[in-house]
Amino acid sequence: MEYSCSTHLKSVPFGGKRKNRVADQVKMEVADILLKKAKDPRIGSVTVLSVDMSPDLSHAKVFISLPQSANEKAALTGLKKAAGFIRSELSRRLPLKRVPDISFVVDQSEEQVSRLLALLEQVGEEQMQKHCEEDREDRALPVRARGVGAMGAQRDRPPH
């Protein structure tokens, strides 16, 4: 199937490709600024995970993760104070008419994923225990009680 250039571009939501490219560039630059230029000790070793841009590219939500030993509230306060400096650095580094406003959000997805995996593991163990108990009960019943008649055929079920 062949697409013309104009048809393909119409199927992409407003600013879809550009939005993703700008988000990737903002992510790389913010990570570099935090690593090399930020001097606030509250920020510490912040990891920039992703950036979500508004459709008009006027706002960037930067998702970060912190080490477990870090004080989340202090780190967010330090990042909020550094947001103006980060914006000014972005204006020097990125060829944009308007540099997006920046907000920082601690990404809780790792914790949620580990909690979900623990719940799934617990449910799997419960299902396994239930299956083992049913299997033990089934083996404890005599052959007649299990529904097997003469010649090993099941009495209650029609043949397949």
N, C-alpha and C. Protein backbone atom coordinates (compact mmCIF):
# COMPACT_ATOMS: atom_id res chain seq x y z
N MET A 1 0.85 -1.17 0.00
CA MET A 1 0.00 0.00 0.00
C MET A 1 0.89 1.23 0.00
N GLU A 2 0.62 2.16 -0.87
CA GLU A 2 1.46 3.33 -1.00
C GLU A 2 0.72 4.56 -0.49
N TYR A 3 1.43 5.37 0.30
CA TYR A 3 0.84 6.58 0.86
C TYR A 3 1.51 7.79 0.23
N SER A 4 0.70 8.77 -0.06
CA SER A 4 1.31 10.03 -0.49
C SER A 4 1.73 10.80 0.75
N CYS A 5 2.61 11.71 0.59
CA CYS A 5 3.16 12.47 1.73
C CYS A 5 2.05 13.23 2.45
N SER A 6 1.16 13.87 1.72
CA SER A 6 0.12 14.68 2.34
C SER A 6 -0.88 13.81 3.10
N THR A 7 -1.23 12.64 2.57
CA THR A 7 -2.16 11.75 3.25
C THR A 7 -1.57 11.25 4.55
N HIS A 8 -0.29 10.90 4.51
CA HIS A 8 0.37 10.37 5.71
C HIS A 8 0.42 11.44 6.80
N LEU A 9 0.71 12.67 6.44
CA LEU A 9 0.82 13.73 7.43
C LEU A 9 -0.53 14.07 8.05
N LYS A 10 -1.59 13.93 7.30
CA LYS A 10 -2.92 14.21 7.85
C LYS A 10 -3.32 13.20 8.90
N SER A 11 -2.80 11.98 8.83
CA SER A 11 -3.19 10.96 9.79
C SER A 11 -2.46 11.12 11.12
N VAL A 12 -1.37 11.91 11.14
CA VAL A 12 -0.63 12.15 12.37
C VAL A 12 -1.33 13.25 13.14
N PRO A 13 -1.55 13.08 14.46
CA PRO A 13 -2.18 14.14 15.23
C PRO A 13 -1.34 15.42 15.20
N PHE A 14 -1.99 16.54 15.51
CA PHE A 14 -1.32 17.84 15.46
C PHE A 14 0.00 17.80 16.20
N GLY A 15 1.06 18.05 15.48
CA GLY A 15 2.38 18.14 16.08
C GLY A 15 2.91 16.83 16.64
N GLY A 16 2.38 15.69 16.22
CA GLY A 16 2.75 14.41 16.79
C GLY A 16 4.22 14.09 16.68
N LYS A 17 4.74 14.15 15.47
CA LYS A 17 6.15 13.83 15.26
C LYS A 17 7.04 14.90 15.88
N ARG A 18 6.70 16.14 15.65
CA ARG A 18 7.51 17.24 16.18
C ARG A 18 7.47 17.23 17.70
N LYS A 19 6.31 17.00 18.24
CA LYS A 19 6.15 16.94 19.70
C LYS A 19 7.09 15.89 20.30
N ASN A 20 7.14 14.72 19.69
CA ASN A 20 8.02 13.65 20.19
C ASN A 20 9.49 14.02 20.03
N ARG A 21 9.84 14.63 18.91
CA ARG A 21 11.24 15.03 18.70
C ARG A 21 11.66 16.09 19.71
N VAL A 22 10.79 17.08 19.94
CA VAL A 22 11.10 18.14 20.90
C VAL A 22 11.18 17.55 22.31
N ALA A 23 10.28 16.63 22.65
CA ALA A 23 10.30 16.00 23.97
C ALA A 23 11.61 15.24 24.19
N ASP A 24 12.05 14.50 23.18
CA ASP A 24 13.32 13.77 23.29
C ASP A 24 14.50 14.73 23.47
N GLN A 25 14.49 15.81 22.72
CA GLN A 25 15.58 16.78 22.81
C GLN A 25 15.57 17.47 24.18
N VAL A 26 14.39 17.84 24.67
CA VAL A 26 14.28 18.46 26.00
C VAL A 26 14.77 17.49 27.07
N LYS A 27 14.41 16.23 26.94
CA LYS A 27 14.86 15.21 27.90
C LYS A 27 16.38 15.15 27.95
N MET A 28 17.02 15.06 26.79
CA MET A 28 18.48 14.97 26.75
C MET A 28 19.13 16.23 27.32
N GLU A 29 18.61 17.38 26.97
CA GLU A 29 19.21 18.63 27.43
C GLU A 29 19.00 18.84 28.93
N VAL A 30 17.81 18.56 29.44
CA VAL A 30 17.55 18.72 30.88
C VAL A 30 18.46 17.77 31.67
N ALA A 31 18.60 16.53 31.20
CA ALA A 31 19.48 15.58 31.88
C ALA A 31 20.91 16.10 31.89
N ASP A 32 21.37 16.65 30.77
CA ASP A 32 22.72 17.18 30.69
C ASP A 32 22.90 18.40 31.61
N ILE A 33 21.91 19.28 31.63
CA ILE A 33 21.97 20.46 32.49
C ILE A 33 22.02 20.05 33.95
N LEU A 34 21.18 19.11 34.34
CA LEU A 34 21.17 18.65 35.74
C LEU A 34 22.48 17.98 36.11
N LEU A 35 23.07 17.28 35.19
CA LEU A 35 24.31 16.57 35.45
C LEU A 35 25.51 17.52 35.53
N LYS A 36 25.57 18.46 34.60
CA LYS A 36 26.78 19.28 34.47
C LYS A 36 26.69 20.68 35.06
N LYS A 37 25.50 21.28 35.08
CA LYS A 37 25.40 22.69 35.45
C LYS A 37 24.71 22.94 36.79
N ALA A 38 23.79 22.08 37.20
CA ALA A 38 23.05 22.32 38.43
C ALA A 38 23.97 22.11 39.63
N LYS A 39 23.95 23.07 40.54
CA LYS A 39 24.85 23.00 41.70
C LYS A 39 24.09 22.81 43.02
N ASP A 40 22.79 22.77 42.97
CA ASP A 40 21.98 22.63 44.19
C ASP A 40 22.16 21.22 44.77
N PRO A 41 22.61 21.11 46.02
CA PRO A 41 22.81 19.78 46.61
C PRO A 41 21.51 19.00 46.84
N ARG A 42 20.37 19.70 46.89
CA ARG A 42 19.09 19.01 47.09
C ARG A 42 18.73 18.16 45.88
N ILE A 43 19.20 18.56 44.71
CA ILE A 43 18.86 17.83 43.49
C ILE A 43 19.53 16.46 43.48
N GLY A 44 20.78 16.40 43.88
CA GLY A 44 21.48 15.13 43.99
C GLY A 44 21.56 14.39 42.67
N SER A 45 21.35 13.09 42.72
CA SER A 45 21.44 12.26 41.51
C SER A 45 20.05 11.94 40.98
N VAL A 46 19.47 12.91 40.32
CA VAL A 46 18.15 12.77 39.70
C VAL A 46 18.32 12.14 38.34
N THR A 47 17.44 11.20 37.99
CA THR A 47 17.45 10.59 36.67
C THR A 47 16.22 11.07 35.90
N VAL A 48 16.45 11.62 34.73
CA VAL A 48 15.33 12.06 33.88
C VAL A 48 14.86 10.86 33.08
N LEU A 49 13.61 10.45 33.30
CA LEU A 49 13.07 9.26 32.65
C LEU A 49 12.39 9.58 31.32
N SER A 50 11.54 10.60 31.33
CA SER A 50 10.83 10.96 30.10
C SER A 50 10.31 12.38 30.22
N VAL A 51 9.87 12.91 29.09
CA VAL A 51 9.29 14.25 29.05
C VAL A 51 7.99 14.17 28.27
N ASP A 52 6.94 14.76 28.82
CA ASP A 52 5.65 14.81 28.15
C ASP A 52 5.38 16.26 27.78
N MET A 53 5.26 16.52 26.49
CA MET A 53 5.04 17.89 26.00
C MET A 53 3.56 18.12 25.74
N SER A 54 3.11 19.34 25.98
CA SER A 54 1.74 19.71 25.62
C SER A 54 1.67 19.80 24.09
N PRO A 55 0.49 19.68 23.51
CA PRO A 55 0.38 19.70 22.04
C PRO A 55 0.95 20.98 21.40
N ASP A 56 0.85 22.12 22.09
CA ASP A 56 1.38 23.36 21.52
C ASP A 56 2.82 23.64 21.94
N LEU A 57 3.46 22.67 22.61
CA LEU A 57 4.86 22.72 23.03
C LEU A 57 5.15 23.84 24.03
N SER A 58 4.12 24.32 24.71
CA SER A 58 4.33 25.41 25.67
C SER A 58 4.64 24.91 27.08
N HIS A 59 4.43 23.64 27.33
CA HIS A 59 4.67 23.10 28.67
C HIS A 59 5.32 21.72 28.56
N ALA A 60 6.31 21.49 29.39
CA ALA A 60 6.99 20.20 29.43
C ALA A 60 6.90 19.64 30.84
N LYS A 61 6.37 18.44 30.95
CA LYS A 61 6.31 17.74 32.23
C LYS A 61 7.45 16.73 32.22
N VAL A 62 8.43 16.95 33.11
CA VAL A 62 9.64 16.12 33.15
C VAL A 62 9.47 15.08 34.25
N PHE A 63 9.46 13.80 33.86
CA PHE A 63 9.33 12.71 34.82
C PHE A 63 10.72 12.28 35.27
N ILE A 64 10.90 12.24 36.59
CA ILE A 64 12.21 11.93 37.16
C ILE A 64 12.10 10.76 38.12
N SER A 65 13.24 10.15 38.40
CA SER A 65 13.29 9.16 39.47
C SER A 65 14.42 9.56 40.40
N LEU A 66 14.24 9.24 41.66
CA LEU A 66 15.20 9.59 42.69
C LEU A 66 15.73 8.32 43.32
N PRO A 67 16.96 8.34 43.83
CA PRO A 67 17.44 7.18 44.57
C PRO A 67 16.60 7.03 45.85
N GLN A 68 16.53 5.82 46.38
CA GLN A 68 15.70 5.58 47.56
C GLN A 68 16.14 6.39 48.76
N SER A 69 17.42 6.71 48.84
CA SER A 69 17.93 7.46 49.98
C SER A 69 17.62 8.95 49.89
N ALA A 70 17.16 9.43 48.74
CA ALA A 70 16.94 10.87 48.54
C ALA A 70 15.64 11.33 49.19
N ASN A 71 15.64 12.58 49.62
CA ASN A 71 14.45 13.22 50.18
C ASN A 71 13.65 13.79 49.01
N GLU A 72 12.51 13.20 48.73
CA GLU A 72 11.71 13.57 47.55
C GLU A 72 11.26 15.02 47.61
N LYS A 73 10.80 15.46 48.77
CA LYS A 73 10.29 16.82 48.90
C LYS A 73 11.39 17.85 48.67
N ALA A 74 12.57 17.61 49.25
CA ALA A 74 13.69 18.54 49.08
C ALA A 74 14.16 18.55 47.64
N ALA A 75 14.22 17.40 46.99
CA ALA A 75 14.66 17.33 45.59
C ALA A 75 13.70 18.09 44.69
N LEU A 76 12.38 17.93 44.91
CA LEU A 76 11.40 18.65 44.09
C LEU A 76 11.48 20.14 44.33
N THR A 77 11.74 20.55 45.57
CA THR A 77 11.90 21.97 45.86
C THR A 77 13.13 22.52 45.13
N GLY A 78 14.24 21.78 45.16
CA GLY A 78 15.44 22.20 44.44
C GLY A 78 15.22 22.29 42.95
N LEU A 79 14.50 21.32 42.40
CA LEU A 79 14.22 21.34 40.96
C LEU A 79 13.30 22.50 40.58
N LYS A 80 12.33 22.79 41.45
CA LYS A 80 11.42 23.90 41.19
C LYS A 80 12.19 25.22 41.19
N LYS A 81 13.13 25.35 42.12
CA LYS A 81 13.95 26.57 42.17
C LYS A 81 14.86 26.67 40.95
N ALA A 82 15.32 25.54 40.44
CA ALA A 82 16.24 25.52 39.30
C ALA A 82 15.52 25.58 37.96
N ALA A 83 14.20 25.54 37.94
CA ALA A 83 13.44 25.50 36.68
C ALA A 83 13.72 26.72 35.81
N GLY A 84 13.83 27.90 36.39
CA GLY A 84 14.13 29.10 35.61
C GLY A 84 15.50 29.01 34.96
N PHE A 85 16.48 28.55 35.73
CA PHE A 85 17.84 28.39 35.18
C PHE A 85 17.83 27.35 34.05
N ILE A 86 17.10 26.25 34.26
CA ILE A 86 17.03 25.19 33.24
C ILE A 86 16.37 25.73 31.97
N ARG A 87 15.32 26.54 32.13
CA ARG A 87 14.65 27.15 30.97
C ARG A 87 15.61 28.06 30.20
N SER A 88 16.38 28.85 30.94
CA SER A 88 17.32 29.76 30.25
C SER A 88 18.40 28.97 29.52
N GLU A 89 18.86 27.88 30.10
CA GLU A 89 19.84 27.02 29.42
C GLU A 89 19.21 26.38 28.18
N LEU A 90 17.95 25.94 28.30
CA LEU A 90 17.27 25.36 27.14
C LEU A 90 17.11 26.38 26.02
N SER A 91 16.87 27.63 26.37
CA SER A 91 16.71 28.66 25.33
C SER A 91 18.01 28.86 24.56
N ARG A 92 19.14 28.64 25.22
CA ARG A 92 20.43 28.75 24.53
C ARG A 92 20.72 27.52 23.66
N ARG A 93 20.21 26.37 24.10
CA ARG A 93 20.56 25.11 23.43
C ARG A 93 19.58 24.67 22.34
N LEU A 94 18.31 25.04 22.48
CA LEU A 94 17.29 24.55 21.54
C LEU A 94 16.82 25.66 20.61
N PRO A 95 16.65 25.35 19.33
CA PRO A 95 16.18 26.37 18.38
C PRO A 95 14.65 26.45 18.37
N LEU A 96 14.08 26.91 19.49
CA LEU A 96 12.63 27.04 19.60
C LEU A 96 12.26 28.51 19.74
N LYS A 97 11.12 28.90 19.17
CA LYS A 97 10.65 30.28 19.34
C LYS A 97 10.29 30.54 20.80
N ARG A 98 9.64 29.55 21.40
CA ARG A 98 9.21 29.70 22.80
C ARG A 98 9.68 28.47 23.56
N VAL A 99 10.44 28.69 24.62
CA VAL A 99 10.93 27.59 25.45
C VAL A 99 9.79 27.18 26.38
N PRO A 100 9.53 25.89 26.50
CA PRO A 100 8.40 25.44 27.31
C PRO A 100 8.60 25.69 28.81
N ASP A 101 7.49 25.91 29.51
CA ASP A 101 7.51 25.95 30.96
C ASP A 101 7.79 24.53 31.43
N ILE A 102 8.54 24.40 32.51
CA ILE A 102 8.97 23.08 32.96
C ILE A 102 8.40 22.79 34.34
N SER A 103 7.84 21.60 34.48
CA SER A 103 7.44 21.11 35.81
C SER A 103 8.02 19.71 35.97
N PHE A 104 8.37 19.39 37.21
CA PHE A 104 8.99 18.10 37.50
C PHE A 104 8.02 17.23 38.28
N VAL A 105 7.97 15.95 37.91
CA VAL A 105 7.08 14.98 38.54
C VAL A 105 7.90 13.73 38.85
N VAL A 106 7.79 13.26 40.10
CA VAL A 106 8.47 12.02 40.46
C VAL A 106 7.66 10.87 39.89
N ASP A 107 8.30 10.04 39.09
CA ASP A 107 7.64 8.91 38.44
C ASP A 107 7.52 7.75 39.42
N GLN A 108 6.30 7.36 39.71
CA GLN A 108 6.04 6.28 40.66
C GLN A 108 5.83 4.94 39.96
N SER A 109 6.04 4.88 38.65
CA SER A 109 5.70 3.67 37.90
C SER A 109 6.53 2.46 38.33
N GLU A 110 7.79 2.66 38.70
CA GLU A 110 8.61 1.52 39.13
C GLU A 110 8.03 0.87 40.37
N GLU A 111 7.61 1.71 41.33
CA GLU A 111 7.00 1.18 42.55
C GLU A 111 5.68 0.47 42.24
N GLN A 112 4.89 1.07 41.35
CA GLN A 112 3.61 0.47 40.99
C GLN A 112 3.82 -0.86 40.28
N VAL A 113 4.81 -0.95 39.41
CA VAL A 113 5.08 -2.19 38.70
C VAL A 113 5.52 -3.27 39.67
N SER A 114 6.41 -2.93 40.60
CA SER A 114 6.87 -3.95 41.55
C SER A 114 5.73 -4.39 42.47
N ARG A 115 4.86 -3.46 42.86
CA ARG A 115 3.70 -3.83 43.68
C ARG A 115 2.76 -4.75 42.90
N LEU A 116 2.54 -4.43 41.61
CA LEU A 116 1.67 -5.25 40.77
C LEU A 116 2.25 -6.64 40.57
N LEU A 117 3.56 -6.73 40.35
CA LEU A 117 4.20 -8.04 40.18
C LEU A 117 4.10 -8.87 41.45
N ALA A 118 4.24 -8.23 42.61
CA ALA A 118 4.10 -8.95 43.87
C ALA A 118 2.68 -9.48 44.04
N LEU A 119 1.68 -8.68 43.66
CA LEU A 119 0.28 -9.14 43.75
C LEU A 119 0.03 -10.30 42.80
N LEU A 120 0.56 -10.21 41.57
CA LEU A 120 0.38 -11.30 40.61
C LEU A 120 1.05 -12.58 41.10
N GLU A 121 2.21 -12.43 41.70
CA GLU A 121 2.91 -13.60 42.23
C GLU A 121 2.11 -14.23 43.37
N GLN A 122 1.52 -13.39 44.22
CA GLN A 122 0.71 -13.88 45.33
C GLN A 122 -0.52 -14.63 44.81
N VAL A 123 -1.19 -14.08 43.81
CA VAL A 123 -2.36 -14.73 43.23
C VAL A 123 -1.96 -16.05 42.60
N GLY A 124 -0.83 -16.08 41.91
CA GLY A 124 -0.35 -17.32 41.30
C GLY A 124 -0.07 -18.39 42.33
N GLU A 125 0.53 -18.00 43.46
CA GLU A 125 0.80 -18.97 44.53
C GLU A 125 -0.51 -19.51 45.12
N GLU A 126 -1.49 -18.61 45.31
CA GLU A 126 -2.79 -19.04 45.85
C GLU A 126 -3.47 -20.02 44.90
N GLN A 127 -3.41 -19.72 43.59
CA GLN A 127 -4.01 -20.62 42.60
C GLN A 127 -3.32 -21.98 42.60
N MET A 128 -2.00 -21.97 42.74
CA MET A 128 -1.24 -23.22 42.76
C MET A 128 -1.60 -24.04 44.00
N GLN A 129 -1.73 -23.37 45.16
CA GLN A 129 -2.11 -24.08 46.38
C GLN A 129 -3.51 -24.67 46.25
N LYS A 130 -4.43 -23.88 45.69
CA LYS A 130 -5.80 -24.35 45.50
C LYS A 130 -5.83 -25.57 44.57
N HIS A 131 -5.06 -25.50 43.49
CA HIS A 131 -5.00 -26.60 42.53
C HIS A 131 -4.42 -27.86 43.19
N CYS A 132 -3.37 -27.68 44.01
CA CYS A 132 -2.75 -28.82 44.69
C CYS A 132 -3.71 -29.45 45.69
N GLU A 133 -4.47 -28.62 46.41
CA GLU A 133 -5.44 -29.15 47.37
C GLU A 133 -6.54 -29.93 46.66
N GLU A 134 -7.05 -29.40 45.54
CA GLU A 134 -8.08 -30.09 44.78
C GLU A 134 -7.55 -31.41 44.24
N ASP A 135 -6.30 -31.39 43.80
CA ASP A 135 -5.68 -32.60 43.28
C ASP A 135 -5.54 -33.65 44.38
N ARG A 136 -5.14 -33.22 45.58
CA ARG A 136 -5.01 -34.17 46.70
C ARG A 136 -6.38 -34.75 47.07
N GLU A 137 -7.42 -33.89 47.10
CA GLU A 137 -8.77 -34.36 47.44
C GLU A 137 -9.26 -35.33 46.38
N ASP A 138 -8.97 -35.06 45.12
CA ASP A 138 -9.39 -35.92 44.02
C ASP A 138 -8.73 -37.29 44.11
N ARG A 139 -7.47 -37.33 44.50
CA ARG A 139 -6.77 -38.61 44.61
C ARG A 139 -7.24 -39.40 45.83
N ALA A 140 -7.76 -38.71 46.84
CA ALA A 140 -8.20 -39.38 48.06
C ALA A 140 -9.53 -40.11 47.84
N LEU A 141 -10.33 -39.71 46.84
CA LEU A 141 -11.62 -40.33 46.59
C LEU A 141 -11.42 -41.68 45.90
N PRO A 142 -12.30 -42.66 46.20
CA PRO A 142 -12.21 -43.94 45.48
C PRO A 142 -12.55 -43.74 44.00
N VAL A 143 -12.19 -44.73 43.19
CA VAL A 143 -12.37 -44.64 41.75
C VAL A 143 -13.84 -44.41 41.39
N ARG A 144 -14.77 -45.10 42.03
CA ARG A 144 -16.20 -44.95 41.74
C ARG A 144 -16.69 -43.54 42.03
N ALA A 145 -16.22 -42.91 43.10
CA ALA A 145 -16.67 -41.58 43.48
C ALA A 145 -16.19 -40.52 42.50
N ARG A 146 -15.12 -40.78 41.79
CA ARG A 146 -14.59 -39.82 40.83
C ARG A 146 -15.41 -39.79 39.53
N GLY A 147 -16.36 -40.64 39.38
CA GLY A 147 -17.20 -40.63 38.19
C GLY A 147 -16.69 -41.53 37.10
N VAL A 148 -15.79 -42.44 37.40
CA VAL A 148 -15.25 -43.34 36.39
C VAL A 148 -15.95 -44.68 36.57
N GLY A 149 -16.58 -45.13 35.51
CA GLY A 149 -17.31 -46.40 35.56
C GLY A 149 -16.48 -47.52 35.00
N ALA A 150 -17.15 -48.51 34.51
CA ALA A 150 -16.47 -49.66 33.92
C ALA A 150 -15.71 -49.23 32.69
N MET A 151 -14.59 -49.78 32.46
CA MET A 151 -13.72 -49.55 31.30
C MET A 151 -13.16 -48.12 31.29
N GLY A 152 -13.20 -47.44 32.43
CA GLY A 152 -12.55 -46.15 32.57
C GLY A 152 -13.26 -44.98 31.93
N ALA A 153 -14.51 -45.14 31.46
CA ALA A 153 -15.22 -44.05 30.83
C ALA A 153 -15.92 -43.19 31.88
N GLN A 154 -16.03 -41.91 31.66
CA GLN A 154 -16.72 -41.03 32.59
C GLN A 154 -18.21 -41.18 32.35
N ARG A 155 -18.96 -41.32 33.46
CA ARG A 155 -20.39 -41.57 33.34
C ARG A 155 -21.19 -40.28 33.13
N ASP A 156 -20.77 -39.19 33.78
CA ASP A 156 -21.59 -37.99 33.77
C ASP A 156 -21.43 -37.16 32.49
N ARG A 157 -20.41 -37.36 31.74
CA ARG A 157 -20.14 -36.54 30.57
C ARG A 157 -20.44 -37.31 29.29
N PRO A 158 -21.03 -36.64 28.32
CA PRO A 158 -21.26 -37.30 27.04
C PRO A 158 -19.93 -37.48 26.29
N PRO A 159 -19.84 -38.48 25.42
CA PRO A 159 -18.59 -38.67 24.68
C PRO A 159 -18.33 -37.50 23.74
N HIS A 160 -17.07 -37.23 23.47
CA HIS A 160 -16.68 -36.08 22.62
C HIS A 160 -16.75 -36.45 21.20
